[in-house]
Amino acid sequence: MKFEEFKEVYYGTLGWAFYTGGRPAFKQFNDSLRFDYRLAEQDIVGSVAWSKALVTVGVLTADEQRQLEEALNVLLEEVRANPQQILQSDAEDIHSWVEGKLIDKVGQLGKKLHTGRSRNDQVATDLKLWCKETVRELLTANRQLQSALVETAQANQDAVMPGYTHLQRAQPVTFAHWCLAYVEMLARDESRLQDTLKRLDVSPLGCGALAGNGL
């Protein structure tokens, strides 16, 4: 096989992508922005926290950190105002999109923010932050549902209904009792969600792709 033929078969799909950008189909397969754009707010918040950590180890000065945080906060407001704008970008993922926008705002200083971290620990952090926010929303909805069930039970204390077991009517129960049974089930769900919050409250930032860094 001639080199030109080999280059077309192999490098055109993999290695040659470093020089030519690769085939459009491979880029579409590899890019994740159309999925992880939802993590934009978490990626920005995590970046602000990381900028503060870099000050403590001397990578950033206090003034540099302030510039980065101000720019990131502006970007955060822009994302909240129009999250769909992200999908107009050709960036590979949300991390590269945020970094690119940051560089647009503060220049080369924006590149220093990635010191000591990789997209691996970034996405792990983003997902944890997203899950924490979602769990809190679930807890609020869960409590609202419990309150609604208690109110319904109080308003229907005299209503009687058949209780089932093995898909058959077993004994009469009150509708209020049936409602309150679900209140107890939801209470168990809340305890599980609270435990989930504790487990999520550990930051993987700084782990890198494998074994951390020397900072």
N, C-alpha and C. Protein backbone atom coordinates (compact mmCIF):
# COMPACT_ATOMS: atom_id res chain seq x y z
N MET A 1 0.84 -1.19 0.00
CA MET A 1 0.00 0.00 0.00
C MET A 1 0.88 1.25 0.00
N LYS A 2 0.62 2.17 -0.90
CA LYS A 2 1.37 3.40 -0.97
C LYS A 2 1.03 4.29 0.23
N PHE A 3 1.98 5.18 0.55
CA PHE A 3 1.78 6.03 1.72
C PHE A 3 0.53 6.88 1.61
N GLU A 4 0.25 7.39 0.41
CA GLU A 4 -0.94 8.23 0.24
C GLU A 4 -2.20 7.44 0.53
N GLU A 5 -2.21 6.15 0.15
CA GLU A 5 -3.37 5.31 0.43
C GLU A 5 -3.47 5.03 1.93
N PHE A 6 -2.31 4.77 2.56
CA PHE A 6 -2.29 4.52 4.00
C PHE A 6 -2.76 5.75 4.77
N LYS A 7 -2.29 6.91 4.32
CA LYS A 7 -2.67 8.16 4.98
C LYS A 7 -4.17 8.37 4.92
N GLU A 8 -4.77 8.03 3.79
CA GLU A 8 -6.21 8.20 3.61
C GLU A 8 -6.98 7.27 4.54
N VAL A 9 -6.49 6.02 4.66
CA VAL A 9 -7.20 5.03 5.47
C VAL A 9 -7.01 5.28 6.96
N TYR A 10 -5.77 5.54 7.38
CA TYR A 10 -5.49 5.63 8.82
C TYR A 10 -5.46 7.07 9.33
N TYR A 11 -4.53 7.85 8.81
CA TYR A 11 -4.37 9.20 9.32
C TYR A 11 -5.59 10.07 9.06
N GLY A 12 -6.29 9.80 7.98
CA GLY A 12 -7.48 10.60 7.67
C GLY A 12 -8.54 10.47 8.73
N THR A 13 -8.52 9.34 9.46
CA THR A 13 -9.52 9.11 10.50
C THR A 13 -8.99 9.45 11.88
N LEU A 14 -7.70 9.14 12.13
CA LEU A 14 -7.17 9.31 13.48
C LEU A 14 -6.02 10.33 13.54
N GLY A 15 -4.79 9.86 13.36
CA GLY A 15 -3.64 10.71 13.56
C GLY A 15 -3.60 11.96 12.70
N TRP A 16 -4.03 11.84 11.46
CA TRP A 16 -3.96 12.99 10.55
C TRP A 16 -4.89 14.11 11.01
N ALA A 17 -5.79 13.78 11.89
CA ALA A 17 -6.72 14.80 12.40
C ALA A 17 -5.97 15.92 13.10
N PHE A 18 -4.78 15.62 13.64
CA PHE A 18 -4.00 16.65 14.30
C PHE A 18 -3.52 17.71 13.32
N TYR A 19 -3.43 17.34 12.04
CA TYR A 19 -2.91 18.26 11.04
C TYR A 19 -4.00 18.82 10.13
N THR A 20 -5.01 18.04 9.85
CA THR A 20 -6.03 18.47 8.89
C THR A 20 -7.38 18.72 9.53
N GLY A 21 -7.55 18.35 10.78
CA GLY A 21 -8.84 18.50 11.43
C GLY A 21 -9.69 17.26 11.34
N GLY A 22 -9.25 16.26 10.57
CA GLY A 22 -9.98 15.00 10.49
C GLY A 22 -11.23 15.09 9.65
N ARG A 23 -11.88 13.98 9.52
CA ARG A 23 -13.11 13.93 8.75
C ARG A 23 -14.27 14.51 9.55
N PRO A 24 -15.21 15.16 8.89
CA PRO A 24 -16.36 15.74 9.60
C PRO A 24 -17.14 14.72 10.41
N ALA A 25 -17.28 13.50 9.88
CA ALA A 25 -18.04 12.47 10.59
C ALA A 25 -17.36 12.10 11.91
N PHE A 26 -16.02 12.03 11.89
CA PHE A 26 -15.30 11.70 13.12
C PHE A 26 -15.42 12.83 14.14
N LYS A 27 -15.36 14.07 13.67
CA LYS A 27 -15.51 15.20 14.58
C LYS A 27 -16.89 15.20 15.22
N GLN A 28 -17.91 14.91 14.42
CA GLN A 28 -19.26 14.86 14.95
C GLN A 28 -19.41 13.76 15.99
N PHE A 29 -18.75 12.63 15.74
CA PHE A 29 -18.79 11.51 16.69
C PHE A 29 -18.05 11.86 17.98
N ASN A 30 -16.94 12.58 17.85
CA ASN A 30 -16.08 12.86 18.99
C ASN A 30 -16.57 14.03 19.85
N ASP A 31 -17.16 15.03 19.23
CA ASP A 31 -17.59 16.22 19.96
C ASP A 31 -18.77 15.92 20.89
N SER A 32 -18.78 16.57 22.03
CA SER A 32 -19.86 16.33 23.00
C SER A 32 -20.62 17.60 23.38
N LEU A 33 -20.32 18.71 22.71
CA LEU A 33 -20.91 19.98 23.10
C LEU A 33 -22.43 19.96 23.04
N ARG A 34 -22.99 19.24 22.07
CA ARG A 34 -24.45 19.22 21.94
C ARG A 34 -25.12 18.52 23.12
N PHE A 35 -24.32 17.79 23.92
CA PHE A 35 -24.85 17.15 25.12
C PHE A 35 -24.45 17.91 26.39
N ASP A 36 -23.15 18.20 26.51
CA ASP A 36 -22.67 18.76 27.78
C ASP A 36 -22.77 20.28 27.87
N TYR A 37 -23.39 20.93 26.88
CA TYR A 37 -23.62 22.37 27.01
C TYR A 37 -24.48 22.66 28.23
N ARG A 38 -25.24 21.67 28.67
CA ARG A 38 -26.08 21.83 29.86
C ARG A 38 -25.25 22.03 31.13
N LEU A 39 -23.97 21.71 31.05
CA LEU A 39 -23.09 21.83 32.22
C LEU A 39 -22.34 23.16 32.23
N ALA A 40 -22.75 24.10 31.40
CA ALA A 40 -22.02 25.36 31.27
C ALA A 40 -21.90 26.10 32.60
N GLU A 41 -23.02 26.26 33.30
CA GLU A 41 -22.99 27.00 34.57
C GLU A 41 -22.07 26.32 35.57
N GLN A 42 -22.15 25.00 35.65
CA GLN A 42 -21.31 24.26 36.59
C GLN A 42 -19.83 24.38 36.22
N ASP A 43 -19.54 24.36 34.92
CA ASP A 43 -18.16 24.46 34.48
C ASP A 43 -17.58 25.83 34.84
N ILE A 44 -18.39 26.86 34.71
CA ILE A 44 -17.94 28.21 35.04
C ILE A 44 -17.74 28.36 36.55
N VAL A 45 -18.70 27.88 37.33
CA VAL A 45 -18.59 27.96 38.80
C VAL A 45 -17.36 27.18 39.28
N GLY A 46 -17.14 26.00 38.71
CA GLY A 46 -15.97 25.21 39.07
C GLY A 46 -14.68 25.91 38.69
N SER A 47 -14.70 26.64 37.59
CA SER A 47 -13.51 27.37 37.15
C SER A 47 -13.18 28.52 38.10
N VAL A 48 -14.21 29.17 38.61
CA VAL A 48 -13.99 30.24 39.60
C VAL A 48 -13.32 29.65 40.84
N ALA A 49 -13.82 28.53 41.31
CA ALA A 49 -13.23 27.89 42.49
C ALA A 49 -11.78 27.49 42.22
N TRP A 50 -11.53 26.97 41.02
CA TRP A 50 -10.17 26.53 40.68
C TRP A 50 -9.22 27.72 40.61
N SER A 51 -9.69 28.85 40.13
CA SER A 51 -8.84 30.03 40.06
C SER A 51 -8.37 30.44 41.45
N LYS A 52 -9.25 30.30 42.44
CA LYS A 52 -8.88 30.63 43.81
C LYS A 52 -7.85 29.63 44.36
N ALA A 53 -8.00 28.37 43.97
CA ALA A 53 -7.03 27.36 44.40
C ALA A 53 -5.65 27.64 43.81
N LEU A 54 -5.62 28.13 42.57
CA LEU A 54 -4.33 28.41 41.92
C LEU A 54 -3.61 29.58 42.58
N VAL A 55 -4.34 30.46 43.22
CA VAL A 55 -3.70 31.56 43.96
C VAL A 55 -2.94 31.00 45.16
N THR A 56 -3.52 30.03 45.83
CA THR A 56 -2.91 29.48 47.05
C THR A 56 -1.60 28.76 46.76
N VAL A 57 -1.39 28.30 45.52
CA VAL A 57 -0.15 27.60 45.19
C VAL A 57 0.77 28.47 44.34
N GLY A 58 0.41 29.75 44.17
CA GLY A 58 1.30 30.68 43.49
C GLY A 58 1.27 30.67 41.98
N VAL A 59 0.32 29.97 41.38
CA VAL A 59 0.22 29.97 39.92
C VAL A 59 -0.40 31.27 39.43
N LEU A 60 -1.37 31.78 40.15
CA LEU A 60 -2.03 33.04 39.81
C LEU A 60 -1.79 34.07 40.91
N THR A 61 -1.68 35.33 40.52
CA THR A 61 -1.66 36.40 41.51
C THR A 61 -3.10 36.74 41.88
N ALA A 62 -3.25 37.48 42.96
CA ALA A 62 -4.60 37.87 43.38
C ALA A 62 -5.27 38.72 42.30
N ASP A 63 -4.49 39.58 41.64
CA ASP A 63 -5.06 40.43 40.59
C ASP A 63 -5.49 39.59 39.38
N GLU A 64 -4.67 38.61 39.02
CA GLU A 64 -5.03 37.73 37.90
C GLU A 64 -6.30 36.95 38.22
N GLN A 65 -6.39 36.47 39.44
CA GLN A 65 -7.59 35.71 39.84
C GLN A 65 -8.82 36.60 39.79
N ARG A 66 -8.67 37.84 40.22
CA ARG A 66 -9.80 38.77 40.19
C ARG A 66 -10.28 39.00 38.76
N GLN A 67 -9.33 39.18 37.83
CA GLN A 67 -9.70 39.37 36.43
C GLN A 67 -10.44 38.15 35.88
N LEU A 68 -9.93 36.98 36.21
CA LEU A 68 -10.56 35.74 35.73
C LEU A 68 -11.96 35.58 36.31
N GLU A 69 -12.09 35.82 37.61
CA GLU A 69 -13.40 35.65 38.25
C GLU A 69 -14.43 36.63 37.68
N GLU A 70 -14.01 37.87 37.47
CA GLU A 70 -14.94 38.86 36.91
C GLU A 70 -15.39 38.45 35.51
N ALA A 71 -14.44 37.99 34.70
CA ALA A 71 -14.78 37.56 33.34
C ALA A 71 -15.68 36.34 33.35
N LEU A 72 -15.40 35.41 34.25
CA LEU A 72 -16.22 34.20 34.35
C LEU A 72 -17.64 34.53 34.82
N ASN A 73 -17.76 35.48 35.72
CA ASN A 73 -19.09 35.87 36.19
C ASN A 73 -19.90 36.54 35.09
N VAL A 74 -19.22 37.33 34.25
CA VAL A 74 -19.90 37.93 33.10
C VAL A 74 -20.36 36.84 32.15
N LEU A 75 -19.49 35.87 31.90
CA LEU A 75 -19.84 34.75 31.02
C LEU A 75 -21.00 33.95 31.60
N LEU A 76 -21.02 33.80 32.91
CA LEU A 76 -22.11 33.06 33.56
C LEU A 76 -23.45 33.74 33.31
N GLU A 77 -23.48 35.05 33.41
CA GLU A 77 -24.72 35.79 33.15
C GLU A 77 -25.13 35.67 31.69
N GLU A 78 -24.16 35.67 30.80
CA GLU A 78 -24.47 35.52 29.37
C GLU A 78 -25.07 34.15 29.08
N VAL A 79 -24.53 33.13 29.73
CA VAL A 79 -25.05 31.77 29.55
C VAL A 79 -26.46 31.65 30.10
N ARG A 80 -26.69 32.22 31.27
CA ARG A 80 -28.02 32.16 31.86
C ARG A 80 -29.05 32.89 31.00
N ALA A 81 -28.62 33.96 30.35
CA ALA A 81 -29.54 34.73 29.51
C ALA A 81 -29.86 34.00 28.22
N ASN A 82 -28.89 33.25 27.70
CA ASN A 82 -29.11 32.55 26.42
C ASN A 82 -28.23 31.31 26.33
N PRO A 83 -28.62 30.23 26.99
CA PRO A 83 -27.80 29.00 26.96
C PRO A 83 -27.69 28.39 25.57
N GLN A 84 -28.66 28.64 24.71
CA GLN A 84 -28.64 28.05 23.37
C GLN A 84 -27.51 28.61 22.50
N GLN A 85 -26.94 29.75 22.89
CA GLN A 85 -25.86 30.34 22.11
C GLN A 85 -24.67 29.39 22.02
N ILE A 86 -24.52 28.55 23.03
CA ILE A 86 -23.37 27.63 23.08
C ILE A 86 -23.39 26.69 21.88
N LEU A 87 -24.57 26.27 21.48
CA LEU A 87 -24.70 25.30 20.40
C LEU A 87 -24.31 25.86 19.04
N GLN A 88 -24.13 27.17 18.95
CA GLN A 88 -23.70 27.78 17.69
C GLN A 88 -22.19 27.67 17.50
N SER A 89 -21.50 27.20 18.54
CA SER A 89 -20.04 27.12 18.51
C SER A 89 -19.56 25.83 17.86
N ASP A 90 -18.32 25.86 17.39
CA ASP A 90 -17.68 24.67 16.82
C ASP A 90 -16.76 24.00 17.84
N ALA A 91 -16.86 24.41 19.10
CA ALA A 91 -16.00 23.85 20.14
C ALA A 91 -16.27 22.36 20.34
N GLU A 92 -15.26 21.64 20.82
CA GLU A 92 -15.39 20.20 21.01
C GLU A 92 -16.33 19.86 22.16
N ASP A 93 -16.19 20.59 23.27
CA ASP A 93 -17.02 20.31 24.45
C ASP A 93 -17.20 21.59 25.25
N ILE A 94 -17.93 21.49 26.34
CA ILE A 94 -18.23 22.68 27.12
C ILE A 94 -16.98 23.27 27.76
N HIS A 95 -16.00 22.42 28.08
CA HIS A 95 -14.77 22.92 28.71
C HIS A 95 -13.99 23.81 27.75
N SER A 96 -13.83 23.35 26.51
CA SER A 96 -13.10 24.15 25.52
C SER A 96 -13.89 25.40 25.15
N TRP A 97 -15.23 25.31 25.19
CA TRP A 97 -16.05 26.49 24.89
C TRP A 97 -15.84 27.56 25.95
N VAL A 98 -15.90 27.17 27.22
CA VAL A 98 -15.70 28.13 28.31
C VAL A 98 -14.30 28.73 28.24
N GLU A 99 -13.30 27.89 28.01
CA GLU A 99 -11.93 28.39 27.94
C GLU A 99 -11.78 29.37 26.79
N GLY A 100 -12.36 29.04 25.64
CA GLY A 100 -12.27 29.94 24.49
C GLY A 100 -12.92 31.28 24.76
N LYS A 101 -14.09 31.27 25.37
CA LYS A 101 -14.78 32.52 25.70
C LYS A 101 -14.00 33.32 26.73
N LEU A 102 -13.37 32.63 27.66
CA LEU A 102 -12.57 33.31 28.69
C LEU A 102 -11.37 33.99 28.05
N ILE A 103 -10.72 33.30 27.13
CA ILE A 103 -9.56 33.88 26.43
C ILE A 103 -9.99 35.09 25.62
N ASP A 104 -11.18 35.03 25.02
CA ASP A 104 -11.69 36.19 24.29
C ASP A 104 -11.83 37.41 25.21
N LYS A 105 -12.13 37.17 26.48
CA LYS A 105 -12.38 38.27 27.41
C LYS A 105 -11.11 38.78 28.09
N VAL A 106 -10.17 37.89 28.41
CA VAL A 106 -8.99 38.32 29.19
C VAL A 106 -7.67 38.01 28.49
N GLY A 107 -7.71 37.49 27.27
CA GLY A 107 -6.48 37.20 26.55
C GLY A 107 -5.76 35.96 27.04
N GLN A 108 -4.43 35.98 26.94
CA GLN A 108 -3.62 34.81 27.28
C GLN A 108 -3.74 34.39 28.74
N LEU A 109 -4.15 35.30 29.58
CA LEU A 109 -4.34 34.96 31.00
C LEU A 109 -5.33 33.82 31.15
N GLY A 110 -6.30 33.76 30.25
CA GLY A 110 -7.30 32.70 30.33
C GLY A 110 -6.72 31.31 30.22
N LYS A 111 -5.56 31.18 29.56
CA LYS A 111 -4.95 29.87 29.39
C LYS A 111 -4.33 29.35 30.69
N LYS A 112 -3.99 30.25 31.60
CA LYS A 112 -3.36 29.83 32.86
C LYS A 112 -4.34 29.08 33.76
N LEU A 113 -5.63 29.30 33.54
CA LEU A 113 -6.63 28.69 34.42
C LEU A 113 -6.62 27.17 34.36
N HIS A 114 -6.18 26.61 33.24
CA HIS A 114 -6.22 25.15 33.08
C HIS A 114 -5.04 24.46 33.74
N THR A 115 -4.13 25.23 34.33
CA THR A 115 -2.96 24.65 34.99
C THR A 115 -3.38 23.69 36.11
N GLY A 116 -2.85 22.47 36.07
CA GLY A 116 -3.07 21.53 37.16
C GLY A 116 -4.36 20.74 37.11
N ARG A 117 -5.15 20.91 36.08
CA ARG A 117 -6.39 20.13 35.97
C ARG A 117 -6.54 19.63 34.54
N SER A 118 -7.40 18.65 34.36
CA SER A 118 -7.69 18.14 33.03
C SER A 118 -9.19 18.17 32.82
N ARG A 119 -9.61 17.89 31.60
CA ARG A 119 -11.05 17.86 31.35
C ARG A 119 -11.70 16.67 32.06
N ASN A 120 -10.88 15.70 32.46
CA ASN A 120 -11.43 14.55 33.19
C ASN A 120 -11.96 14.97 34.55
N ASP A 121 -11.13 15.67 35.34
CA ASP A 121 -11.62 16.10 36.64
C ASP A 121 -12.61 17.25 36.52
N GLN A 122 -12.52 18.00 35.41
CA GLN A 122 -13.51 19.06 35.18
C GLN A 122 -14.91 18.48 35.01
N VAL A 123 -15.02 17.49 34.13
CA VAL A 123 -16.36 16.94 33.87
C VAL A 123 -16.90 16.20 35.09
N ALA A 124 -16.01 15.57 35.85
CA ALA A 124 -16.45 14.91 37.09
C ALA A 124 -17.00 15.94 38.07
N THR A 125 -16.31 17.08 38.16
CA THR A 125 -16.78 18.16 39.03
C THR A 125 -18.09 18.74 38.54
N ASP A 126 -18.16 18.99 37.23
CA ASP A 126 -19.39 19.55 36.65
C ASP A 126 -20.59 18.66 36.93
N LEU A 127 -20.41 17.36 36.73
CA LEU A 127 -21.52 16.43 36.94
C LEU A 127 -21.94 16.39 38.41
N LYS A 128 -20.97 16.45 39.30
CA LYS A 128 -21.31 16.46 40.73
C LYS A 128 -22.10 17.72 41.09
N LEU A 129 -21.66 18.86 40.58
CA LEU A 129 -22.37 20.11 40.86
C LEU A 129 -23.78 20.08 40.27
N TRP A 130 -23.89 19.54 39.06
CA TRP A 130 -25.22 19.43 38.42
C TRP A 130 -26.13 18.51 39.23
N CYS A 131 -25.58 17.40 39.68
CA CYS A 131 -26.37 16.45 40.47
C CYS A 131 -26.79 17.05 41.81
N LYS A 132 -25.90 17.82 42.44
CA LYS A 132 -26.25 18.46 43.71
C LYS A 132 -27.42 19.43 43.52
N GLU A 133 -27.36 20.20 42.45
CA GLU A 133 -28.45 21.14 42.17
C GLU A 133 -29.75 20.40 41.90
N THR A 134 -29.65 19.32 41.12
CA THR A 134 -30.84 18.54 40.78
C THR A 134 -31.43 17.85 42.01
N VAL A 135 -30.56 17.34 42.88
CA VAL A 135 -31.04 16.68 44.10
C VAL A 135 -31.78 17.68 44.99
N ARG A 136 -31.26 18.89 45.09
CA ARG A 136 -31.95 19.92 45.89
C ARG A 136 -33.33 20.23 45.31
N GLU A 137 -33.42 20.26 43.98
CA GLU A 137 -34.72 20.48 43.35
C GLU A 137 -35.67 19.32 43.65
N LEU A 138 -35.14 18.11 43.63
CA LEU A 138 -35.95 16.94 43.94
C LEU A 138 -36.43 16.96 45.39
N LEU A 139 -35.55 17.39 46.29
CA LEU A 139 -35.94 17.48 47.70
C LEU A 139 -37.08 18.48 47.89
N THR A 140 -36.99 19.61 47.21
CA THR A 140 -38.06 20.61 47.30
C THR A 140 -39.37 20.05 46.76
N ALA A 141 -39.31 19.41 45.60
CA ALA A 141 -40.51 18.83 45.00
C ALA A 141 -41.07 17.71 45.88
N ASN A 142 -40.18 16.94 46.48
CA ASN A 142 -40.61 15.84 47.35
C ASN A 142 -41.38 16.36 48.56
N ARG A 143 -40.88 17.43 49.16
CA ARG A 143 -41.56 18.00 50.33
C ARG A 143 -42.90 18.62 49.95
N GLN A 144 -42.95 19.22 48.78
CA GLN A 144 -44.22 19.79 48.32
C GLN A 144 -45.26 18.68 48.10
N LEU A 145 -44.81 17.56 47.56
CA LEU A 145 -45.72 16.44 47.35
C LEU A 145 -46.19 15.86 48.68
N GLN A 146 -45.28 15.77 49.65
CA GLN A 146 -45.68 15.29 50.98
C GLN A 146 -46.74 16.20 51.60
N SER A 147 -46.53 17.50 51.49
CA SER A 147 -47.50 18.45 52.05
C SER A 147 -48.86 18.30 51.39
N ALA A 148 -48.85 18.12 50.07
CA ALA A 148 -50.11 17.96 49.34
C ALA A 148 -50.83 16.69 49.76
N LEU A 149 -50.07 15.63 50.00
CA LEU A 149 -50.68 14.37 50.43
C LEU A 149 -51.27 14.49 51.84
N VAL A 150 -50.57 15.20 52.72
CA VAL A 150 -51.09 15.39 54.08
C VAL A 150 -52.38 16.20 54.04
N GLU A 151 -52.40 17.25 53.23
CA GLU A 151 -53.62 18.07 53.10
C GLU A 151 -54.77 17.24 52.54
N THR A 152 -54.47 16.40 51.56
CA THR A 152 -55.50 15.55 50.97
C THR A 152 -56.03 14.55 52.00
N ALA A 153 -55.12 14.01 52.81
CA ALA A 153 -55.53 13.05 53.85
C ALA A 153 -56.44 13.72 54.87
N GLN A 154 -56.08 14.94 55.29
CA GLN A 154 -56.89 15.65 56.27
C GLN A 154 -58.29 15.96 55.74
N ALA A 155 -58.38 16.20 54.44
CA ALA A 155 -59.67 16.55 53.84
C ALA A 155 -60.53 15.32 53.54
N ASN A 156 -59.96 14.12 53.67
CA ASN A 156 -60.70 12.90 53.31
C ASN A 156 -60.57 11.83 54.39
N GLN A 157 -60.68 12.23 55.64
CA GLN A 157 -60.47 11.29 56.73
C GLN A 157 -61.54 10.19 56.80
N ASP A 158 -62.72 10.47 56.31
CA ASP A 158 -63.80 9.49 56.42
C ASP A 158 -63.97 8.63 55.17
N ALA A 159 -63.20 8.91 54.15
CA ALA A 159 -63.34 8.14 52.91
C ALA A 159 -62.73 6.75 53.08
N VAL A 160 -63.45 5.74 52.63
CA VAL A 160 -62.99 4.35 52.75
C VAL A 160 -62.74 3.79 51.36
N MET A 161 -61.71 2.97 51.25
CA MET A 161 -61.36 2.36 49.97
C MET A 161 -60.83 0.96 50.20
N PRO A 162 -60.84 0.11 49.19
CA PRO A 162 -60.28 -1.23 49.37
C PRO A 162 -58.76 -1.21 49.35
N GLY A 163 -58.16 -1.95 50.27
CA GLY A 163 -56.72 -2.14 50.25
C GLY A 163 -56.40 -3.43 49.51
N TYR A 164 -55.35 -3.39 48.68
CA TYR A 164 -55.03 -4.53 47.82
C TYR A 164 -53.76 -5.24 48.27
N THR A 165 -53.72 -6.54 48.04
CA THR A 165 -52.51 -7.32 48.15
C THR A 165 -52.59 -8.46 47.15
N HIS A 166 -51.48 -8.76 46.49
CA HIS A 166 -51.45 -9.78 45.45
C HIS A 166 -52.51 -9.51 44.37
N LEU A 167 -52.71 -8.23 44.07
CA LEU A 167 -53.64 -7.78 43.04
C LEU A 167 -55.10 -8.08 43.39
N GLN A 168 -55.36 -8.37 44.66
CA GLN A 168 -56.73 -8.66 45.08
C GLN A 168 -57.11 -7.76 46.27
N ARG A 169 -58.39 -7.47 46.37
CA ARG A 169 -58.87 -6.69 47.51
C ARG A 169 -58.68 -7.50 48.79
N ALA A 170 -58.05 -6.87 49.77
CA ALA A 170 -57.71 -7.59 51.00
C ALA A 170 -58.53 -7.12 52.20
N GLN A 171 -58.55 -5.80 52.44
CA GLN A 171 -59.30 -5.29 53.57
C GLN A 171 -59.58 -3.80 53.34
N PRO A 172 -60.59 -3.26 53.99
CA PRO A 172 -60.89 -1.84 53.83
C PRO A 172 -59.88 -0.97 54.57
N VAL A 173 -59.49 0.13 53.94
CA VAL A 173 -58.60 1.12 54.55
C VAL A 173 -59.17 2.50 54.26
N THR A 174 -58.73 3.48 54.99
CA THR A 174 -59.18 4.84 54.68
C THR A 174 -58.28 5.43 53.59
N PHE A 175 -58.88 6.30 52.82
CA PHE A 175 -58.11 6.99 51.77
C PHE A 175 -57.00 7.84 52.40
N ALA A 176 -57.29 8.40 53.59
CA ALA A 176 -56.29 9.20 54.30
C ALA A 176 -55.08 8.34 54.67
N HIS A 177 -55.34 7.12 55.12
CA HIS A 177 -54.26 6.20 55.47
C HIS A 177 -53.41 5.88 54.25
N TRP A 178 -54.08 5.69 53.12
CA TRP A 178 -53.36 5.39 51.87
C TRP A 178 -52.45 6.56 51.50
N CYS A 179 -52.96 7.79 51.64
CA CYS A 179 -52.15 8.98 51.33
C CYS A 179 -50.93 9.08 52.25
N LEU A 180 -51.16 8.84 53.54
CA LEU A 180 -50.07 8.97 54.51
C LEU A 180 -49.02 7.88 54.35
N ALA A 181 -49.43 6.74 53.79
CA ALA A 181 -48.44 5.69 53.52
C ALA A 181 -47.40 6.20 52.52
N TYR A 182 -47.86 6.96 51.53
CA TYR A 182 -46.93 7.51 50.56
C TYR A 182 -46.08 8.63 51.15
N VAL A 183 -46.62 9.34 52.13
CA VAL A 183 -45.82 10.35 52.83
C VAL A 183 -44.61 9.68 53.48
N GLU A 184 -44.82 8.52 54.08
CA GLU A 184 -43.72 7.79 54.71
C GLU A 184 -42.72 7.27 53.68
N MET A 185 -43.23 6.80 52.56
CA MET A 185 -42.33 6.33 51.49
C MET A 185 -41.45 7.47 50.98
N LEU A 186 -42.07 8.63 50.81
CA LEU A 186 -41.33 9.80 50.34
C LEU A 186 -40.32 10.27 51.38
N ALA A 187 -40.61 10.04 52.66
CA ALA A 187 -39.65 10.39 53.72
C ALA A 187 -38.39 9.54 53.59
N ARG A 188 -38.58 8.27 53.25
CA ARG A 188 -37.41 7.41 53.02
C ARG A 188 -36.62 7.89 51.81
N ASP A 189 -37.35 8.33 50.78
CA ASP A 189 -36.67 8.86 49.60
C ASP A 189 -35.84 10.09 49.96
N GLU A 190 -36.39 10.94 50.82
CA GLU A 190 -35.65 12.14 51.23
C GLU A 190 -34.36 11.76 51.94
N SER A 191 -34.40 10.76 52.81
CA SER A 191 -33.19 10.37 53.52
C SER A 191 -32.12 9.87 52.54
N ARG A 192 -32.56 9.18 51.50
CA ARG A 192 -31.61 8.70 50.49
C ARG A 192 -31.02 9.88 49.71
N LEU A 193 -31.86 10.84 49.37
CA LEU A 193 -31.38 12.02 48.65
C LEU A 193 -30.42 12.84 49.50
N GLN A 194 -30.71 12.96 50.79
CA GLN A 194 -29.81 13.68 51.69
C GLN A 194 -28.45 12.99 51.77
N ASP A 195 -28.47 11.67 51.79
CA ASP A 195 -27.22 10.91 51.81
C ASP A 195 -26.47 11.11 50.50
N THR A 196 -27.21 11.18 49.40
CA THR A 196 -26.59 11.43 48.10
C THR A 196 -25.87 12.77 48.08
N LEU A 197 -26.49 13.79 48.67
CA LEU A 197 -25.85 15.11 48.74
C LEU A 197 -24.51 15.04 49.46
N LYS A 198 -24.45 14.29 50.55
CA LYS A 198 -23.20 14.16 51.30
C LYS A 198 -22.13 13.48 50.45
N ARG A 199 -22.53 12.45 49.72
CA ARG A 199 -21.57 11.71 48.90
C ARG A 199 -21.08 12.55 47.72
N LEU A 200 -21.94 13.44 47.23
CA LEU A 200 -21.56 14.30 46.11
C LEU A 200 -20.65 15.44 46.54
N ASP A 201 -20.63 15.74 47.82
CA ASP A 201 -19.94 16.93 48.32
C ASP A 201 -18.44 16.69 48.52
N VAL A 202 -17.81 16.09 47.53
CA VAL A 202 -16.36 15.87 47.53
C VAL A 202 -15.84 16.30 46.17
N SER A 203 -14.87 17.20 46.15
CA SER A 203 -14.38 17.75 44.89
C SER A 203 -13.27 16.90 44.29
N PRO A 204 -13.40 16.52 43.01
CA PRO A 204 -12.34 15.78 42.34
C PRO A 204 -11.35 16.69 41.62
N LEU A 205 -11.53 18.02 41.71
CA LEU A 205 -10.63 18.94 41.02
C LEU A 205 -9.19 18.75 41.50
N GLY A 206 -8.28 18.69 40.55
CA GLY A 206 -6.88 18.48 40.86
C GLY A 206 -6.43 17.05 40.69
N CYS A 207 -7.39 16.13 40.52
CA CYS A 207 -7.02 14.72 40.30
C CYS A 207 -6.39 14.52 38.93
N GLY A 208 -6.73 15.40 37.98
CA GLY A 208 -6.23 15.23 36.63
C GLY A 208 -6.84 14.03 35.96
N ALA A 209 -6.15 13.54 34.94
CA ALA A 209 -6.65 12.39 34.20
C ALA A 209 -6.37 11.08 34.93
N LEU A 210 -5.40 11.10 35.87
CA LEU A 210 -5.03 9.84 36.52
C LEU A 210 -4.53 10.03 37.95
N ALA A 211 -3.39 10.69 38.10
CA ALA A 211 -2.71 10.65 39.40
C ALA A 211 -2.41 12.02 39.97
N GLY A 212 -3.23 13.00 39.66
CA GLY A 212 -3.03 14.31 40.24
C GLY A 212 -1.87 15.07 39.63
N ASN A 213 -1.31 16.01 40.38
CA ASN A 213 -0.20 16.83 39.88
C ASN A 213 0.67 17.26 41.05
N GLY A 214 1.76 17.90 40.74
CA GLY A 214 2.73 18.29 41.76
C GLY A 214 2.46 19.62 42.41
N LEU A 215 1.33 20.25 42.08
CA LEU A 215 1.03 21.56 42.66
C LEU A 215 0.56 21.44 44.10
